[in-house]
Amino acid sequence: MKGLGLRQGLEHLVAVGYGLSYDAIVSSFPPYRALLEEVADYAKRSLGVRRDPRSAHVLDVASGIGTLAFRLAREGYTIVGLDGVEYLVEIAREKRRERNVANVAFHRVDIGGDEVPWREVFDFAVSLHTLYWHPRPAQVLAATRRALRPGGHALFLNYSRPARVLPTFKTIRASEGWGAALGALRWLLPTALFEGFRSYTPHYTEADALHGLLADAGFEILETRRTFLADISCLAWVRRT
């Protein structure tokens, strides 16, 4: 019990440090910034051109400190970010106050475990690498579907394999050169440290496995592709059936 408590304490401290430093990490990591733009493009495809973009309601599943939510808020959408970790929600709320962003709100809700108060409200939902770490991925998908209006769209990204430092570094070096490989270490190293202190069973999914999960949850697959660092992520653009 004592060892378990110590591990949980260390995990909490590492997660806090990671959350606090995350903006600094991703702001200088071009692949992650490109991924945010990719998500924003799918949001635009899902929501179309609107006279008042605030009429588009967007759900960010496991929003963390709000990095993706703030990017989507720049499009004028009304954003709700949910996360089960209180200190990450508080960081996101503080950033919202500092930046004076009126069209985004953050709530402490574990979408895979807590009762989600929104039903058939959102036009678009995004889950950015949530399914691989959440202990109840099927419940995350079911709750996301319930939160979407009928015909609403969603974007799910999940890791297809671990972000191991050396193999990923070698893959990027071979395809993009030393500069890109060295730059990738800025994300790979803190991510590996954080993952090393987490106690969980990862749910990595190749395209077929992700398709199966989404179909079972009541989603129609519209488009899939590989993306992010050395194609480590599988992306699925879907519609609620």
C-alpha atoms as a PDB file:
ATOM      1  CA  MET A   1       0.000   0.000   0.000  1.00  0.00           C
ATOM      2  CA  LYS A   2       2.820   2.379   0.880  1.00  0.00           C
ATOM      3  CA  GLY A   3       4.553   1.695  -2.458  1.00  0.00           C
ATOM      4  CA  LEU A   4       1.281   2.239  -4.309  1.00  0.00           C
ATOM      5  CA  GLY A   5       0.741   5.556  -2.551  1.00  0.00           C
ATOM      6  CA  LEU A   6       4.266   6.684  -3.399  1.00  0.00           C
ATOM      7  CA  ARG A   7       3.800   5.760  -7.051  1.00  0.00           C
ATOM      8  CA  GLN A   8       0.479   7.629  -7.215  1.00  0.00           C
ATOM      9  CA  GLY A   9       2.123  10.663  -5.624  1.00  0.00           C
ATOM     10  CA  LEU A  10       4.968  10.621  -8.128  1.00  0.00           C
ATOM     11  CA  GLU A  11       2.505  10.134 -10.975  1.00  0.00           C
ATOM     12  CA  HIS A  12       0.562  13.169  -9.778  1.00  0.00           C
ATOM     13  CA  LEU A  13       3.705  15.335  -9.531  1.00  0.00           C
ATOM     14  CA  VAL A  14       4.924  14.332 -12.990  1.00  0.00           C
ATOM     15  CA  ALA A  15       1.475  14.965 -14.464  1.00  0.00           C
ATOM     16  CA  VAL A  16       1.330  18.414 -12.859  1.00  0.00           C
ATOM     17  CA  GLY A  17       4.768  19.282 -14.213  1.00  0.00           C
ATOM     18  CA  TYR A  18       3.852  17.946 -17.648  1.00  0.00           C
ATOM     19  CA  GLY A  19       0.627  19.922 -17.680  1.00  0.00           C
ATOM     20  CA  LEU A  20       2.369  23.130 -16.661  1.00  0.00           C
ATOM     21  CA  SER A  21       5.106  22.734 -19.283  1.00  0.00           C
ATOM     22  CA  TYR A  22       2.877  21.421 -22.070  1.00  0.00           C
ATOM     23  CA  ASP A  23       2.279  24.715 -23.834  1.00  0.00           C
ATOM     24  CA  ALA A  24       6.016  25.359 -23.971  1.00  0.00           C
ATOM     25  CA  ILE A  25       6.561  21.880 -25.416  1.00  0.00           C
ATOM     26  CA  VAL A  26       3.954  21.962 -28.166  1.00  0.00           C
ATOM     27  CA  SER A  27       4.389  25.617 -29.102  1.00  0.00           C
ATOM     28  CA  SER A  28       7.837  24.786 -30.454  1.00  0.00           C
ATOM     29  CA  PHE A  29       6.950  21.367 -31.851  1.00  0.00           C
ATOM     30  CA  PRO A  30       5.805  21.760 -35.463  1.00  0.00           C
ATOM     31  CA  PRO A  31       4.231  18.276 -35.845  1.00  0.00           C
ATOM     32  CA  TYR A  32       1.865  18.945 -32.965  1.00  0.00           C
ATOM     33  CA  ARG A  33       0.964  22.398 -34.226  1.00  0.00           C
ATOM     34  CA  ALA A  34       0.274  20.839 -37.633  1.00  0.00           C
ATOM     35  CA  LEU A  35      -1.953  18.261 -35.943  1.00  0.00           C
ATOM     36  CA  LEU A  36      -4.006  21.019 -34.311  1.00  0.00           C
ATOM     37  CA  GLU A  37      -4.482  22.631 -37.727  1.00  0.00           C
ATOM     38  CA  GLU A  38      -5.517  19.273 -39.149  1.00  0.00           C
ATOM     39  CA  VAL A  39      -8.182  18.937 -36.442  1.00  0.00           C
ATOM     40  CA  ALA A  40      -9.367  22.490 -37.133  1.00  0.00           C
ATOM     41  CA  ASP A  41      -9.747  21.618 -40.828  1.00  0.00           C
ATOM     42  CA  TYR A  42     -11.928  18.621 -39.977  1.00  0.00           C
ATOM     43  CA  ALA A  43     -14.016  20.833 -37.715  1.00  0.00           C
ATOM     44  CA  LYS A  44     -14.568  23.211 -40.627  1.00  0.00           C
ATOM     45  CA  ARG A  45     -15.556  20.333 -42.906  1.00  0.00           C
ATOM     46  CA  SER A  46     -17.974  19.058 -40.274  1.00  0.00           C
ATOM     47  CA  LEU A  47     -19.576  22.371 -39.388  1.00  0.00           C
ATOM     48  CA  GLY A  48     -19.574  24.180 -42.715  1.00  0.00           C
ATOM     49  CA  VAL A  49     -19.810  27.921 -43.214  1.00  0.00           C
ATOM     50  CA  ARG A  50     -22.162  29.608 -40.755  1.00  0.00           C
ATOM     51  CA  ARG A  51     -23.384  33.155 -40.497  1.00  0.00           C
ATOM     52  CA  ASP A  52     -22.754  32.971 -36.757  1.00  0.00           C
ATOM     53  CA  PRO A  53     -19.987  30.462 -35.921  1.00  0.00           C
ATOM     54  CA  ARG A  54     -21.035  30.600 -32.249  1.00  0.00           C
ATOM     55  CA  SER A  55     -24.049  28.505 -33.242  1.00  0.00           C
ATOM     56  CA  ALA A  56     -21.668  25.571 -33.765  1.00  0.00           C
ATOM     57  CA  HIS A  57     -21.240  23.681 -30.495  1.00  0.00           C
ATOM     58  CA  VAL A  58     -18.013  21.710 -30.158  1.00  0.00           C
ATOM     59  CA  LEU A  59     -17.016  19.167 -27.495  1.00  0.00           C
ATOM     60  CA  ASP A  60     -13.350  18.588 -26.627  1.00  0.00           C
ATOM     61  CA  VAL A  61     -13.074  15.197 -24.907  1.00  0.00           C
ATOM     62  CA  ALA A  62     -10.325  15.036 -22.247  1.00  0.00           C
ATOM     63  CA  SER A  63      -9.345  18.628 -22.970  1.00  0.00           C
ATOM     64  CA  GLY A  64      -6.407  18.806 -20.548  1.00  0.00           C
ATOM     65  CA  ILE A  65      -5.098  22.344 -20.208  1.00  0.00           C
ATOM     66  CA  GLY A  66      -7.114  23.479 -23.221  1.00  0.00           C
ATOM     67  CA  THR A  67      -4.530  23.596 -26.014  1.00  0.00           C
ATOM     68  CA  LEU A  68      -6.885  22.185 -28.656  1.00  0.00           C
ATOM     69  CA  ALA A  69      -9.961  23.940 -27.269  1.00  0.00           C
ATOM     70  CA  PHE A  70      -8.283  27.340 -27.557  1.00  0.00           C
ATOM     71  CA  ARG A  71      -7.234  26.597 -31.132  1.00  0.00           C
ATOM     72  CA  LEU A  72     -10.813  25.705 -32.111  1.00  0.00           C
ATOM     73  CA  ALA A  73     -12.156  28.722 -30.230  1.00  0.00           C
ATOM     74  CA  ARG A  74     -10.248  30.927 -32.693  1.00  0.00           C
ATOM     75  CA  GLU A  75     -12.761  29.808 -35.343  1.00  0.00           C
ATOM     76  CA  GLY A  76     -15.555  31.383 -33.304  1.00  0.00           C
ATOM     77  CA  TYR A  77     -17.220  28.112 -32.276  1.00  0.00           C
ATOM     78  CA  THR A  78     -18.751  27.608 -28.842  1.00  0.00           C
ATOM     79  CA  ILE A  79     -16.403  25.133 -27.148  1.00  0.00           C
ATOM     80  CA  VAL A  80     -16.902  22.919 -24.105  1.00  0.00           C
ATOM     81  CA  GLY A  81     -13.859  21.084 -22.782  1.00  0.00           C
ATOM     82  CA  LEU A  82     -14.254  18.169 -20.394  1.00  0.00           C
ATOM     83  CA  ASP A  83     -11.516  16.571 -18.343  1.00  0.00           C
ATOM     84  CA  GLY A  84     -11.551  14.298 -15.311  1.00  0.00           C
ATOM     85  CA  VAL A  85      -8.460  15.825 -13.698  1.00  0.00           C
ATOM     86  CA  GLU A  86      -9.252  18.862 -11.555  1.00  0.00           C
ATOM     87  CA  TYR A  87      -5.829  20.546 -11.676  1.00  0.00           C
ATOM     88  CA  LEU A  88      -5.729  20.402 -15.478  1.00  0.00           C
ATOM     89  CA  VAL A  89      -9.197  21.957 -15.611  1.00  0.00           C
ATOM     90  CA  GLU A  90      -8.043  24.725 -13.266  1.00  0.00           C
ATOM     91  CA  ILE A  91      -5.023  25.454 -15.478  1.00  0.00           C
ATOM     92  CA  ALA A  92      -7.310  25.638 -18.522  1.00  0.00           C
ATOM     93  CA  ARG A  93      -9.713  27.982 -16.722  1.00  0.00           C
ATOM     94  CA  GLU A  94      -6.843  30.239 -15.665  1.00  0.00           C
ATOM     95  CA  LYS A  95      -5.621  30.404 -19.261  1.00  0.00           C
ATOM     96  CA  ARG A  96      -9.148  31.272 -20.338  1.00  0.00           C
ATOM     97  CA  ARG A  97      -9.190  34.169 -17.880  1.00  0.00           C
ATOM     98  CA  GLU A  98      -5.722  35.351 -18.903  1.00  0.00           C
ATOM     99  CA  ARG A  99      -6.591  35.265 -22.597  1.00  0.00           C
ATOM    100  CA  ASN A 100     -10.120  36.593 -22.107  1.00  0.00           C
ATOM    101  CA  VAL A 101     -11.634  33.901 -24.332  1.00  0.00           C
ATOM    102  CA  ALA A 102     -15.412  34.117 -24.000  1.00  0.00           C
ATOM    103  CA  ASN A 103     -16.489  31.205 -26.212  1.00  0.00           C
ATOM    104  CA  VAL A 104     -14.861  28.321 -24.327  1.00  0.00           C
ATOM    105  CA  ALA A 105     -15.714  26.704 -20.988  1.00  0.00           C
ATOM    106  CA  PHE A 106     -14.026  23.904 -19.071  1.00  0.00           C
ATOM    107  CA  HIS A 107     -15.652  21.397 -16.720  1.00  0.00           C
ATOM    108  CA  ARG A 108     -14.309  18.633 -14.508  1.00  0.00           C
ATOM    109  CA  VAL A 109     -16.086  15.642 -16.017  1.00  0.00           C
ATOM    110  CA  ASP A 110     -14.636  12.222 -16.784  1.00  0.00           C
ATOM    111  CA  ILE A 111     -16.638  11.463 -19.909  1.00  0.00           C
ATOM    112  CA  GLY A 112     -15.967   7.743 -19.541  1.00  0.00           C
ATOM    113  CA  GLY A 113     -17.033   7.529 -15.920  1.00  0.00           C
ATOM    114  CA  ASP A 114     -19.167  10.482 -14.836  1.00  0.00           C
ATOM    115  CA  GLU A 115     -22.662  11.405 -15.889  1.00  0.00           C
ATOM    116  CA  VAL A 116     -22.389  13.823 -18.792  1.00  0.00           C
ATOM    117  CA  PRO A 117     -25.159  16.438 -18.536  1.00  0.00           C
ATOM    118  CA  TRP A 118     -25.326  17.173 -22.272  1.00  0.00           C
ATOM    119  CA  ARG A 119     -27.469  15.029 -24.584  1.00  0.00           C
ATOM    120  CA  GLU A 120     -27.720  15.582 -28.344  1.00  0.00           C
ATOM    121  CA  VAL A 121     -26.268  19.093 -28.004  1.00  0.00           C
ATOM    122  CA  PHE A 122     -22.976  19.153 -29.877  1.00  0.00           C
ATOM    123  CA  ASP A 123     -22.441  19.459 -33.610  1.00  0.00           C
ATOM    124  CA  PHE A 124     -18.839  18.253 -33.522  1.00  0.00           C
ATOM    125  CA  ALA A 125     -16.717  16.370 -30.996  1.00  0.00           C
ATOM    126  CA  VAL A 126     -13.011  15.616 -30.936  1.00  0.00           C
ATOM    127  CA  SER A 127     -11.078  13.070 -28.914  1.00  0.00           C
ATOM    128  CA  LEU A 128      -7.354  13.649 -29.233  1.00  0.00           C
ATOM    129  CA  HIS A 129      -5.470  10.546 -28.065  1.00  0.00           C
ATOM    130  CA  THR A 130      -7.906   9.730 -25.266  1.00  0.00           C
ATOM    131  CA  LEU A 131      -8.919   6.162 -26.062  1.00  0.00           C
ATOM    132  CA  TYR A 132      -5.459   4.640 -25.640  1.00  0.00           C
ATOM    133  CA  TRP A 133      -5.098   5.636 -21.977  1.00  0.00           C
ATOM    134  CA  HIS A 134      -8.667   5.724 -20.697  1.00  0.00           C
ATOM    135  CA  PRO A 135      -9.626   2.603 -18.693  1.00  0.00           C
ATOM    136  CA  ARG A 136     -13.106   2.579 -20.276  1.00  0.00           C
ATOM    137  CA  PRO A 137     -12.743   3.472 -23.973  1.00  0.00           C
ATOM    138  CA  ALA A 138     -16.141   1.993 -24.915  1.00  0.00           C
ATOM    139  CA  GLN A 139     -17.836   4.240 -22.353  1.00  0.00           C
ATOM    140  CA  VAL A 140     -15.949   7.260 -23.719  1.00  0.00           C
ATOM    141  CA  LEU A 141     -17.294   6.515 -27.181  1.00  0.00           C
ATOM    142  CA  ALA A 142     -20.835   5.894 -25.936  1.00  0.00           C
ATOM    143  CA  ALA A 143     -20.923   9.130 -23.931  1.00  0.00           C
ATOM    144  CA  THR A 144     -19.488  11.112 -26.848  1.00  0.00           C
ATOM    145  CA  ARG A 145     -22.167   9.723 -29.141  1.00  0.00           C
ATOM    146  CA  ARG A 146     -24.930  10.635 -26.665  1.00  0.00           C
ATOM    147  CA  ALA A 147     -23.582  14.182 -26.460  1.00  0.00           C
ATOM    148  CA  LEU A 148     -23.698  14.604 -30.257  1.00  0.00           C
ATOM    149  CA  ARG A 149     -26.854  15.628 -32.029  1.00  0.00           C
ATOM    150  CA  PRO A 150     -28.188  13.064 -34.572  1.00  0.00           C
ATOM    151  CA  GLY A 151     -26.027  13.365 -37.673  1.00  0.00           C
ATOM    152  CA  GLY A 152     -23.314  15.206 -35.770  1.00  0.00           C
ATOM    153  CA  HIS A 153     -19.674  14.604 -36.645  1.00  0.00           C
ATOM    154  CA  ALA A 154     -16.708  13.561 -34.537  1.00  0.00           C
ATOM    155  CA  LEU A 155     -12.983  13.119 -34.953  1.00  0.00           C
ATOM    156  CA  PHE A 156     -11.150  10.423 -33.025  1.00  0.00           C
ATOM    157  CA  LEU A 157      -7.375  10.098 -32.946  1.00  0.00           C
ATOM    158  CA  ASN A 158      -5.686   7.222 -31.191  1.00  0.00           C
ATOM    159  CA  TYR A 159      -2.118   5.987 -31.037  1.00  0.00           C
ATOM    160  CA  SER A 160      -1.498   2.822 -33.015  1.00  0.00           C
ATOM    161  CA  ARG A 161       1.716   2.061 -31.103  1.00  0.00           C
ATOM    162  CA  PRO A 162       3.769   3.435 -28.203  1.00  0.00           C
ATOM    163  CA  ALA A 163       5.788   6.605 -28.752  1.00  0.00           C
ATOM    164  CA  ARG A 164       9.100   4.885 -28.015  1.00  0.00           C
ATOM    165  CA  VAL A 165      11.935   7.379 -28.168  1.00  0.00           C
ATOM    166  CA  LEU A 166      14.687   5.544 -30.063  1.00  0.00           C
ATOM    167  CA  PRO A 167      12.575   3.737 -32.717  1.00  0.00           C
ATOM    168  CA  THR A 168      10.568   6.888 -33.417  1.00  0.00           C
ATOM    169  CA  PHE A 169      13.738   8.994 -33.545  1.00  0.00           C
ATOM    170  CA  LYS A 170      15.282   6.581 -36.084  1.00  0.00           C
ATOM    171  CA  THR A 171      12.144   6.533 -38.229  1.00  0.00           C
ATOM    172  CA  ILE A 172      11.999  10.328 -38.393  1.00  0.00           C
ATOM    173  CA  ARG A 173      15.748  10.604 -39.055  1.00  0.00           C
ATOM    174  CA  ALA A 174      15.458   8.170 -41.967  1.00  0.00           C
ATOM    175  CA  SER A 175      12.477   9.930 -43.544  1.00  0.00           C
ATOM    176  CA  GLU A 176      12.992  13.595 -42.629  1.00  0.00           C
ATOM    177  CA  GLY A 177      16.629  13.998 -41.560  1.00  0.00           C
ATOM    178  CA  TRP A 178      18.542  14.809 -38.416  1.00  0.00           C
ATOM    179  CA  GLY A 179      16.952  18.200 -37.817  1.00  0.00           C
ATOM    180  CA  ALA A 180      13.419  16.872 -37.622  1.00  0.00           C
ATOM    181  CA  ALA A 181      14.541  13.881 -35.544  1.00  0.00           C
ATOM    182  CA  LEU A 182      16.343  16.044 -33.004  1.00  0.00           C
ATOM    183  CA  GLY A 183      13.389  18.415 -32.850  1.00  0.00           C
ATOM    184  CA  ALA A 184      11.046  15.500 -32.149  1.00  0.00           C
ATOM    185  CA  LEU A 185      12.933  14.757 -28.926  1.00  0.00           C
ATOM    186  CA  ARG A 186      11.358  17.880 -27.418  1.00  0.00           C
ATOM    187  CA  TRP A 187       8.033  16.008 -27.411  1.00  0.00           C
ATOM    188  CA  LEU A 188       9.229  12.417 -27.211  1.00  0.00           C
ATOM    189  CA  LEU A 189      11.344  12.691 -24.057  1.00  0.00           C
ATOM    190  CA  PRO A 190       8.817  14.376 -21.709  1.00  0.00           C
ATOM    191  CA  THR A 191       6.059  12.178 -23.118  1.00  0.00           C
ATOM    192  CA  ALA A 192       8.099   9.048 -22.400  1.00  0.00           C
ATOM    193  CA  LEU A 193       8.812  10.286 -18.867  1.00  0.00           C
ATOM    194  CA  PHE A 194       5.143  10.968 -18.238  1.00  0.00           C
ATOM    195  CA  GLU A 195       4.055   7.621 -19.671  1.00  0.00           C
ATOM    196  CA  GLY A 196       6.642   5.822 -17.534  1.00  0.00           C
ATOM    197  CA  PHE A 197       5.012   7.067 -14.344  1.00  0.00           C
ATOM    198  CA  ARG A 198       1.432   6.315 -15.366  1.00  0.00           C
ATOM    199  CA  SER A 199      -0.243   3.176 -14.121  1.00  0.00           C
ATOM    200  CA  TYR A 200      -2.582   2.014 -16.898  1.00  0.00           C
ATOM    201  CA  THR A 201      -3.136  -0.581 -19.606  1.00  0.00           C
ATOM    202  CA  PRO A 202      -2.784   1.127 -23.007  1.00  0.00           C
ATOM    203  CA  HIS A 203      -5.332   0.528 -25.773  1.00  0.00           C
ATOM    204  CA  TYR A 204      -3.380   1.056 -28.987  1.00  0.00           C
ATOM    205  CA  THR A 205      -5.455   0.551 -32.126  1.00  0.00           C
ATOM    206  CA  GLU A 206      -4.612   0.013 -35.747  1.00  0.00           C
ATOM    207  CA  ALA A 207      -7.190   1.242 -38.259  1.00  0.00           C
ATOM    208  CA  ASP A 208      -9.264  -1.956 -38.324  1.00  0.00           C
ATOM    209  CA  ALA A 209      -9.523  -2.148 -34.539  1.00  0.00           C
ATOM    210  CA  LEU A 210     -10.463   1.527 -34.283  1.00  0.00           C
ATOM    211  CA  HIS A 211     -13.098   1.073 -36.995  1.00  0.00           C
ATOM    212  CA  GLY A 212     -14.605  -1.793 -35.031  1.00  0.00           C
ATOM    213  CA  LEU A 213     -14.807   0.202 -31.817  1.00  0.00           C
ATOM    214  CA  LEU A 214     -16.415   3.141 -33.580  1.00  0.00           C
ATOM    215  CA  ALA A 215     -18.926   1.025 -35.503  1.00  0.00           C
ATOM    216  CA  ASP A 216     -19.930  -0.810 -32.321  1.00  0.00           C
ATOM    217  CA  ALA A 217     -20.473   2.566 -30.649  1.00  0.00           C
ATOM    218  CA  GLY A 218     -22.874   3.718 -33.387  1.00  0.00           C
ATOM    219  CA  PHE A 219     -20.661   5.795 -35.661  1.00  0.00           C
ATOM    220  CA  GLU A 220     -20.418   5.761 -39.450  1.00  0.00           C
ATOM    221  CA  ILE A 221     -16.829   5.926 -40.697  1.00  0.00           C
ATOM    222  CA  LEU A 222     -16.378   8.741 -43.220  1.00  0.00           C
ATOM    223  CA  GLU A 223     -12.612   8.887 -43.549  1.00  0.00           C
ATOM    224  CA  THR A 224      -9.492   7.438 -41.955  1.00  0.00           C
ATOM    225  CA  ARG A 225      -5.804   8.123 -42.291  1.00  0.00           C
ATOM    226  CA  ARG A 226      -2.469   7.951 -40.499  1.00  0.00           C
ATOM    227  CA  THR A 227      -1.072  11.156 -39.077  1.00  0.00           C
ATOM    228  CA  PHE A 228       1.210  12.855 -36.556  1.00  0.00           C
ATOM    229  CA  LEU A 229       4.743  11.886 -35.618  1.00  0.00           C
ATOM    230  CA  ALA A 230       6.039   9.176 -37.970  1.00  0.00           C
ATOM    231  CA  ASP A 231       2.392   8.259 -38.606  1.00  0.00           C
ATOM    232  CA  ILE A 232       2.002   7.096 -35.009  1.00  0.00           C
ATOM    233  CA  SER A 233      -1.680   8.093 -34.844  1.00  0.00           C
ATOM    234  CA  CYS A 234      -4.742   6.692 -36.535  1.00  0.00           C
ATOM    235  CA  LEU A 235      -7.398   9.293 -37.351  1.00  0.00           C
ATOM    236  CA  ALA A 236     -11.075   8.556 -37.962  1.00  0.00           C
ATOM    237  CA  TRP A 237     -13.637  11.125 -39.063  1.00  0.00           C
ATOM    238  CA  VAL A 238     -17.112   9.822 -38.270  1.00  0.00           C
ATOM    239  CA  ARG A 239     -20.787  10.719 -38.118  1.00  0.00           C
ATOM    240  CA  ARG A 240     -23.304   9.720 -35.487  1.00  0.00           C
ATOM    241  CA  THR A 241     -25.804   7.276 -36.965  1.00  0.00           C
END
